[in-house]
Amino acid sequence: MTLGNHSIITQFLLLGLSTDPHIQALLFVLFLKIYLLTLMGNLMMLLVVRADSHLHTPMFFFLSHLSLLDLCLSSVTVPKMLKDLLSETKTISVRGCLAQGFFALITAGAECFLLSAMAYDRYAAICHPLLYGQIMKKQLCVQLVCGSWGLASLNAFINTLLAANLDFCENHTISHYSCEVPSLFPLSCSDVSINLTVLLCSSLMHGFGTLLPIVFSYARIVSTILSIGSTIGRSKTFSTCSSHLTAVSFFFASGFLRYLMPTSGSPLELIFSVQYGVVTPMMNPLIYSLKNKKVKAAVRRTLGKYIRWSR
């Protein structure tokens, strides 16, 4: 099948992180360990939040869904990357590439909205502690989570549908370890101006639409913390949101830079993609478990129950 003088491409070649076999072997071991830690950490977080009644609160309800999203986000790209690191031919079909880009957009987008909802939860808890139970009702929490998935799905559907209508000719090499929608544009022999405009606008709306509530929430939180007279009280109050602030910094910085910078195949693109798609899903359960006394106590209780049951 041809388009003008061009052959239609049915599959892409992924260059991956390196072409050196020895480096690929080292990267396989490294990313396999990261992926296993991601699975264990996030599954443990899901289990602990579900099993321990002390964690049946809005904050940990959101945290359990964050763990689910991190599992999905990592699993969209890492298994394929591990397979390619052991393969001589690193190919993926056009449909498979679009599917991977679609699910990457959904999971990453939903995580943006969820982190924004978690910021609002911290704002309600710190700035309006007496009204916290009335503000963060279960119904609102469920609506925020469903809204996160819904809006992210809409964004992914629009961008992937536009990408699916592109024709890919001659050049079929992606300078990446996975298929992300921006990586497809340089390969197309169609006019991608609409795709670029929609992706840029949706990324800005998606990014700033979730980042601004976070900034507003933390501005109010900082103001409330500074009004506390006791140094110990200020430190204790800030510790309740430091984990979330760390997670936001890790995810938003790399995600924003990846989707807003022009696609050029530079090493920075790979670094940003690895940061938000591989490293952050591994780090989030560590951040929340190491910095949160309730989580550490719940892990000890859950492990204690398991040990007693196994005996």
Protein backbone atom coordinates (compact mmCIF):
# COMPACT_ATOMS: atom_id res chain seq x y z
CA MET A 1 0.00 0.00 0.00
CA THR A 2 1.47 3.38 -0.95
CA LEU A 3 0.84 7.03 -0.39
CA GLY A 4 2.22 9.01 -3.31
CA ASN A 5 5.81 7.81 -3.61
CA HIS A 6 6.00 6.61 0.01
CA SER A 7 5.50 3.17 1.56
CA ILE A 8 3.09 3.04 4.47
CA ILE A 9 4.79 2.04 7.71
CA THR A 10 3.16 -0.77 9.74
CA GLN A 11 5.68 -0.92 12.57
CA PHE A 12 8.24 1.27 14.31
CA LEU A 13 11.78 0.60 15.45
CA LEU A 14 12.55 1.69 19.01
CA LEU A 15 16.18 2.70 19.55
CA GLY A 16 15.87 2.31 23.32
CA LEU A 17 18.29 3.67 25.88
CA SER A 18 21.49 2.25 24.35
CA THR A 19 22.74 0.18 21.41
CA ASP A 20 25.70 -1.27 23.33
CA PRO A 21 24.92 -4.91 24.33
CA HIS A 22 26.93 -4.67 27.57
CA ILE A 23 25.15 -1.48 28.63
CA GLN A 24 21.81 -3.03 27.66
CA ALA A 25 22.52 -5.98 29.98
CA LEU A 26 23.29 -3.62 32.86
CA LEU A 27 20.20 -1.54 32.12
CA PHE A 28 18.07 -4.69 32.08
CA VAL A 29 19.22 -5.63 35.58
CA LEU A 30 18.75 -2.05 36.82
CA PHE A 31 15.25 -1.55 35.42
CA LEU A 32 14.15 -5.05 36.39
CA LYS A 33 15.06 -4.23 40.01
CA ILE A 34 13.26 -0.88 39.75
CA TYR A 35 10.15 -2.52 38.32
CA LEU A 36 10.09 -5.23 40.99
CA LEU A 37 10.47 -2.58 43.71
CA THR A 38 7.65 -0.61 42.07
CA LEU A 39 5.37 -3.64 42.08
CA MET A 40 6.20 -4.63 45.66
CA GLY A 41 6.02 -1.10 47.07
CA ASN A 42 2.73 -0.14 45.46
CA LEU A 43 1.06 -3.51 46.05
CA MET A 44 2.13 -3.31 49.69
CA MET A 45 0.63 0.19 49.92
CA LEU A 46 -2.65 -1.03 48.41
CA LEU A 47 -2.74 -4.00 50.79
CA VAL A 48 -1.92 -1.97 53.89
CA VAL A 49 -4.47 0.77 53.17
CA ARG A 50 -7.18 -1.80 52.50
CA ALA A 51 -6.35 -4.07 55.47
CA ASP A 52 -5.75 -1.46 58.19
CA SER A 53 -8.86 0.34 59.45
CA HIS A 54 -6.69 3.17 60.84
CA LEU A 55 -5.96 4.19 57.23
CA HIS A 56 -9.57 4.36 56.06
CA THR A 57 -9.41 8.14 55.65
CA PRO A 58 -9.62 10.41 52.58
CA MET A 59 -5.85 10.93 52.42
CA PHE A 60 -5.11 7.21 52.30
CA PHE A 61 -8.02 6.59 49.96
CA PHE A 62 -6.28 8.92 47.50
CA LEU A 63 -2.93 7.33 48.29
CA SER A 64 -4.22 3.85 47.44
CA HIS A 65 -5.41 5.13 44.06
CA LEU A 66 -2.04 6.83 43.53
CA SER A 67 -0.39 3.43 44.09
CA LEU A 68 -2.76 1.86 41.57
CA LEU A 69 -1.91 4.57 39.03
CA ASP A 70 1.82 4.12 39.61
CA LEU A 71 1.45 0.38 39.01
CA CYS A 72 -0.37 1.06 35.75
CA LEU A 73 1.98 3.85 34.60
CA SER A 74 5.08 1.73 35.14
CA SER A 75 3.51 -1.37 33.59
CA VAL A 76 2.58 0.50 30.40
CA THR A 77 6.22 0.92 29.35
CA VAL A 78 8.69 -1.00 31.55
CA PRO A 79 7.83 -4.63 30.57
CA LYS A 80 8.19 -3.77 26.87
CA MET A 81 11.45 -1.94 27.59
CA LEU A 82 12.82 -4.96 29.49
CA LYS A 83 11.89 -7.25 26.62
CA ASP A 84 13.59 -4.94 24.11
CA LEU A 85 16.77 -4.77 26.19
CA LEU A 86 17.13 -8.52 25.62
CA SER A 87 16.09 -8.43 21.95
CA GLU A 88 18.12 -7.68 18.85
CA THR A 89 15.08 -6.26 17.03
CA LYS A 90 13.14 -3.67 18.98
CA THR A 91 9.96 -3.22 16.98
CA ILE A 92 6.38 -2.31 17.83
CA SER A 93 3.35 -2.18 15.54
CA VAL A 94 1.71 1.15 14.77
CA ARG A 95 -1.43 0.05 16.62
CA GLY A 96 0.63 -1.18 19.56
CA CYS A 97 2.50 2.11 19.61
CA LEU A 98 -0.73 4.12 19.63
CA ALA A 99 -2.14 1.90 22.39
CA GLN A 100 0.95 2.39 24.52
CA GLY A 101 0.82 6.16 24.02
CA PHE A 102 -2.90 6.16 24.86
CA PHE A 103 -2.49 4.33 28.17
CA ALA A 104 0.58 6.39 29.07
CA LEU A 105 -1.47 9.57 28.62
CA ILE A 106 -4.36 8.19 30.69
CA THR A 107 -2.27 7.07 33.66
CA ALA A 108 0.03 10.10 33.69
CA GLY A 109 -2.92 12.47 33.24
CA ALA A 110 -4.98 10.83 35.97
CA GLU A 111 -2.01 11.07 38.31
CA CYS A 112 -1.84 14.84 37.70
CA PHE A 113 -5.50 15.24 38.68
CA LEU A 114 -5.14 12.91 41.66
CA LEU A 115 -2.13 14.81 43.02
CA SER A 116 -4.22 17.98 42.72
CA ALA A 117 -7.07 16.35 44.65
CA MET A 118 -4.61 15.23 47.32
CA ALA A 119 -3.40 18.82 47.67
CA TYR A 120 -6.99 19.93 48.27
CA ASP A 121 -7.32 17.21 50.90
CA ARG A 122 -4.22 18.53 52.73
CA TYR A 123 -5.60 22.08 52.46
CA ALA A 124 -8.90 21.02 54.03
CA ALA A 125 -7.14 19.05 56.79
CA ILE A 126 -4.72 21.83 57.78
CA CYS A 127 -6.70 25.01 57.09
CA HIS A 128 -10.15 23.74 58.14
CA PRO A 129 -9.52 20.87 60.58
CA LEU A 130 -12.89 21.22 62.35
CA LEU A 131 -14.78 21.01 59.04
CA TYR A 132 -12.53 18.36 57.47
CA GLY A 133 -15.02 15.53 57.90
CA GLN A 134 -17.79 17.56 56.32
CA ILE A 135 -15.65 18.79 53.42
CA MET A 136 -13.93 15.53 52.47
CA LYS A 137 -16.92 13.22 52.43
CA LYS A 138 -16.61 9.80 50.83
CA GLN A 139 -18.85 10.85 47.96
CA LEU A 140 -16.58 13.79 47.10
CA CYS A 141 -13.47 11.60 47.27
CA VAL A 142 -15.01 9.07 44.87
CA GLN A 143 -16.08 11.87 42.53
CA LEU A 144 -12.57 13.34 42.51
CA VAL A 145 -11.01 9.97 41.67
CA CYS A 146 -13.58 9.21 38.96
CA GLY A 147 -13.13 12.73 37.58
CA SER A 148 -9.36 12.19 37.43
CA TRP A 149 -9.78 9.06 35.33
CA GLY A 150 -12.51 10.60 33.19
CA LEU A 151 -10.69 13.81 32.28
CA ALA A 152 -7.43 11.97 31.66
CA SER A 153 -9.24 9.47 29.41
CA LEU A 154 -10.82 12.31 27.41
CA ASN A 155 -7.44 13.99 26.92
CA ALA A 156 -5.81 10.70 25.88
CA PHE A 157 -8.65 9.82 23.51
CA ILE A 158 -8.51 13.16 21.68
CA ASN A 159 -4.71 13.17 21.23
CA THR A 160 -4.48 9.49 20.30
CA LEU A 161 -7.38 9.72 17.83
CA LEU A 162 -5.63 12.59 16.06
CA ALA A 163 -2.36 10.62 16.02
CA ALA A 164 -4.17 7.56 14.60
CA ASN A 165 -5.19 9.60 11.54
CA LEU A 166 -1.58 10.38 10.64
CA ASP A 167 0.28 8.62 7.84
CA PHE A 168 3.75 7.32 8.69
CA CYS A 169 6.17 7.04 5.79
CA GLU A 170 9.84 6.15 5.24
CA ASN A 171 11.30 7.08 8.62
CA HIS A 172 10.11 4.56 11.20
CA THR A 173 12.77 4.95 13.90
CA ILE A 174 11.75 6.30 17.32
CA SER A 175 14.64 7.64 19.41
CA HIS A 176 13.03 6.39 22.59
CA TYR A 177 12.40 3.24 24.63
CA SER A 178 8.61 3.58 24.39
CA CYS A 179 5.89 5.14 22.28
CA GLU A 180 4.76 8.54 23.50
CA VAL A 181 2.45 10.64 21.35
CA PRO A 182 4.98 13.50 20.84
CA SER A 183 7.53 11.00 19.49
CA LEU A 184 5.24 10.10 16.58
CA PHE A 185 4.99 13.56 15.05
CA PRO A 186 8.49 13.72 13.47
CA LEU A 187 7.82 10.35 11.78
CA SER A 188 4.64 11.43 10.02
CA CYS A 189 4.45 12.56 6.39
CA SER A 190 1.08 14.21 7.16
CA ASP A 191 0.51 17.75 8.41
CA VAL A 192 0.94 17.55 12.19
CA SER A 193 0.21 21.20 12.99
CA ILE A 194 -3.24 20.38 14.40
CA ASN A 195 -1.79 17.54 16.47
CA LEU A 196 0.92 19.79 17.88
CA THR A 197 -1.56 22.55 18.68
CA VAL A 198 -4.02 20.20 20.39
CA LEU A 199 -1.26 18.46 22.35
CA LEU A 200 0.24 21.78 23.47
CA CYS A 201 -3.14 23.24 24.47
CA SER A 202 -4.26 20.08 26.25
CA SER A 203 -0.92 19.77 28.05
CA LEU A 204 -1.09 23.39 29.20
CA MET A 205 -4.73 23.08 30.27
CA HIS A 206 -4.10 19.73 31.89
CA GLY A 207 -0.88 20.82 33.56
CA PHE A 208 -1.83 24.27 34.79
CA GLY A 209 -5.39 23.13 35.53
CA THR A 210 -3.96 20.69 38.06
CA LEU A 211 -0.90 22.66 39.15
CA LEU A 212 -2.72 25.91 40.01
CA PRO A 213 -4.99 24.24 42.63
CA ILE A 214 -1.86 22.68 44.13
CA VAL A 215 -0.13 26.08 44.29
CA PHE A 216 -3.25 27.71 45.78
CA SER A 217 -3.66 24.93 48.34
CA TYR A 218 -0.04 25.12 49.47
CA ALA A 219 -0.11 28.92 49.61
CA ARG A 220 -2.98 28.66 52.09
CA ILE A 221 -1.25 25.79 53.91
CA VAL A 222 1.99 27.76 54.32
CA SER A 223 0.03 30.77 55.57
CA THR A 224 -1.73 28.60 58.14
CA ILE A 225 1.50 26.92 59.24
CA LEU A 226 3.26 30.27 59.71
CA SER A 227 0.41 31.44 61.95
CA ILE A 228 1.09 28.58 64.37
CA GLY A 229 3.01 29.91 67.36
CA SER A 230 4.86 26.73 68.31
CA THR A 231 7.90 25.63 66.29
CA ILE A 232 7.10 22.01 67.08
CA GLY A 233 3.51 22.57 65.97
CA ARG A 234 4.64 24.10 62.68
CA SER A 235 7.05 21.22 62.05
CA LYS A 236 4.43 18.59 62.89
CA THR A 237 1.82 20.22 60.66
CA PHE A 238 4.19 20.59 57.72
CA SER A 239 5.25 16.94 58.03
CA THR A 240 1.70 15.86 57.17
CA CYS A 241 2.03 17.29 53.66
CA SER A 242 5.78 17.01 52.99
CA SER A 243 5.39 13.58 51.36
CA HIS A 244 2.79 14.88 48.93
CA LEU A 245 4.88 17.94 48.11
CA THR A 246 7.87 15.70 47.34
CA ALA A 247 5.76 13.47 45.07
CA VAL A 248 4.37 16.52 43.24
CA SER A 249 7.85 17.94 42.66
CA PHE A 250 9.17 14.65 41.23
CA PHE A 251 6.24 14.04 38.91
CA PHE A 252 5.26 17.49 37.63
CA ALA A 253 8.77 18.76 36.91
CA SER A 254 9.72 15.86 34.62
CA GLY A 255 6.23 15.39 33.13
CA PHE A 256 5.85 19.07 32.21
CA LEU A 257 9.28 19.25 30.62
CA ARG A 258 8.73 16.05 28.62
CA TYR A 259 5.43 17.09 27.02
CA LEU A 260 6.16 20.78 26.54
CA MET A 261 9.65 20.54 25.06
CA PRO A 262 9.98 19.99 21.27
CA THR A 263 10.58 16.38 20.26
CA SER A 264 14.19 16.12 19.10
CA GLY A 265 15.38 12.70 20.30
CA SER A 266 17.72 14.30 22.81
CA PRO A 267 18.95 12.43 25.93
CA LEU A 268 16.96 14.89 28.05
CA GLU A 269 13.71 13.47 26.67
CA LEU A 270 14.75 10.00 27.78
CA ILE A 271 15.78 11.29 31.21
CA PHE A 272 12.46 13.09 31.77
CA SER A 273 10.48 10.05 30.57
CA VAL A 274 12.42 7.69 32.84
CA GLN A 275 11.96 10.13 35.73
CA TYR A 276 8.16 10.41 35.60
CA GLY A 277 7.35 7.00 34.08
CA VAL A 278 9.80 4.68 35.85
CA VAL A 279 11.52 6.30 38.83
CA THR A 280 8.58 8.25 40.32
CA PRO A 281 6.26 5.18 40.51
CA MET A 282 8.99 3.43 42.48
CA MET A 283 9.70 6.42 44.73
CA ASN A 284 6.12 7.30 45.74
CA PRO A 285 5.50 4.34 48.09
CA LEU A 286 8.96 4.87 49.59
CA ILE A 287 8.30 8.58 50.12
CA TYR A 288 4.95 7.98 51.80
CA SER A 289 6.06 5.00 53.88
CA LEU A 290 9.31 6.55 55.11
CA LYS A 291 7.82 9.96 55.96
CA ASN A 292 4.45 8.89 57.36
CA LYS A 293 4.31 7.38 60.85
CA LYS A 294 0.79 6.03 60.30
CA VAL A 295 1.89 4.11 57.22
CA LYS A 296 4.94 2.68 58.99
CA ALA A 297 2.79 1.62 61.94
CA ALA A 298 0.21 0.08 59.62
CA VAL A 299 2.93 -1.84 57.74
CA ARG A 300 4.20 -3.26 61.03
CA ARG A 301 0.67 -4.26 62.08
CA THR A 302 -0.06 -5.88 58.71
CA LEU A 303 3.25 -7.77 58.66
CA GLY A 304 2.65 -8.84 62.27
CA LYS A 305 -0.79 -10.25 61.35
CA TYR A 306 0.70 -12.07 58.36
CA ILE A 307 3.49 -13.62 60.46
CA ARG A 308 1.04 -14.77 63.13
CA TRP A 309 -1.27 -16.18 60.46
CA SER A 310 1.59 -18.04 58.72
CA ARG A 311 2.52 -19.73 61.99
